[in-house]
Amino acid sequence: MENTTENTQLHLQNVRHSAFKECEPNRHKARDNAFGVTWCVKCGRLFTKPCGKPLQEGDKVVVHCA
């Protein structure tokens, strides 16, 4: 049972790292949404200070679920 738990945790770590690629330093595309949250629209990183650039329609990602 212990080995299965370790394998599952390692798999989740690998999925997490491969699914989300962080932008290079100072290459983030930060945008403020309507709620005042500032985040990078490329990698999803959250920022503590507003950037002053509103979220544009072209920055949004549309996900279709079947």
Protein backbone atom coordinates (compact mmCIF):
# COMPACT_ATOMS: atom_id res chain seq x y z
CA MET A 1 0.00 0.00 0.00
CA GLU A 2 2.82 2.41 0.87
CA ASN A 3 4.54 1.90 -2.50
CA THR A 4 1.32 2.67 -4.41
CA THR A 5 0.88 5.93 -2.51
CA GLU A 6 4.46 6.97 -3.30
CA ASN A 7 4.00 6.14 -6.99
CA THR A 8 0.78 8.16 -7.12
CA GLN A 9 2.44 11.15 -5.49
CA LEU A 10 5.37 11.00 -7.92
CA HIS A 11 2.98 10.76 -10.86
CA LEU A 12 1.02 13.80 -9.65
CA GLN A 13 4.23 15.80 -9.26
CA ASN A 14 5.29 14.90 -12.81
CA VAL A 15 1.88 15.85 -14.21
CA ARG A 16 1.93 19.14 -12.32
CA HIS A 17 5.37 20.07 -13.64
CA SER A 18 4.70 19.05 -17.23
CA ALA A 19 1.23 20.62 -17.50
CA PHE A 20 2.16 24.11 -16.27
CA LYS A 21 5.21 25.74 -17.76
CA GLU A 22 6.36 28.85 -15.94
CA CYS A 23 7.36 31.85 -18.06
CA GLU A 24 10.97 32.97 -18.14
CA PRO A 25 11.87 35.71 -15.64
CA ASN A 26 10.50 39.12 -16.67
CA ARG A 27 8.57 37.56 -19.59
CA HIS A 28 5.17 37.30 -17.91
CA LYS A 29 2.09 38.74 -19.60
CA ALA A 30 0.38 40.17 -16.52
CA ARG A 31 -3.23 41.34 -16.73
CA ASP A 32 -5.79 42.62 -14.20
CA ASN A 33 -9.20 40.97 -14.33
CA ALA A 34 -12.54 42.55 -13.36
CA PHE A 35 -12.15 41.37 -9.74
CA GLY A 36 -8.79 43.11 -9.29
CA VAL A 37 -6.71 39.94 -9.43
CA THR A 38 -3.45 40.28 -11.36
CA TRP A 39 -2.12 37.16 -13.03
CA CYS A 40 -0.04 36.02 -16.02
CA VAL A 41 -2.30 34.92 -18.86
CA LYS A 42 0.42 32.59 -20.23
CA CYS A 43 1.43 30.56 -17.16
CA GLY A 44 -1.16 31.48 -14.51
CA ARG A 45 1.20 32.98 -11.93
CA LEU A 46 -0.49 35.36 -9.47
CA PHE A 47 0.98 38.75 -8.61
CA THR A 48 0.57 40.86 -5.48
CA LYS A 49 0.60 44.26 -7.21
CA PRO A 50 -1.71 45.40 -10.02
CA CYS A 51 -0.08 45.88 -13.41
CA GLY A 52 -2.53 48.49 -14.73
CA LYS A 53 -3.35 46.52 -17.91
CA PRO A 54 -6.90 45.16 -18.10
CA LEU A 55 -7.65 41.67 -19.35
CA GLN A 56 -8.40 41.78 -23.07
CA GLU A 57 -10.76 39.52 -25.02
CA GLY A 58 -7.78 38.04 -26.91
CA ASP A 59 -6.09 37.06 -23.62
CA LYS A 60 -8.97 34.82 -22.57
CA VAL A 61 -8.85 31.06 -23.14
CA VAL A 62 -12.10 29.33 -24.07
CA VAL A 63 -12.38 25.70 -22.98
CA HIS A 64 -15.07 23.52 -24.51
CA CYS A 65 -16.12 20.51 -22.47
CA ALA A 66 -17.83 17.62 -24.20
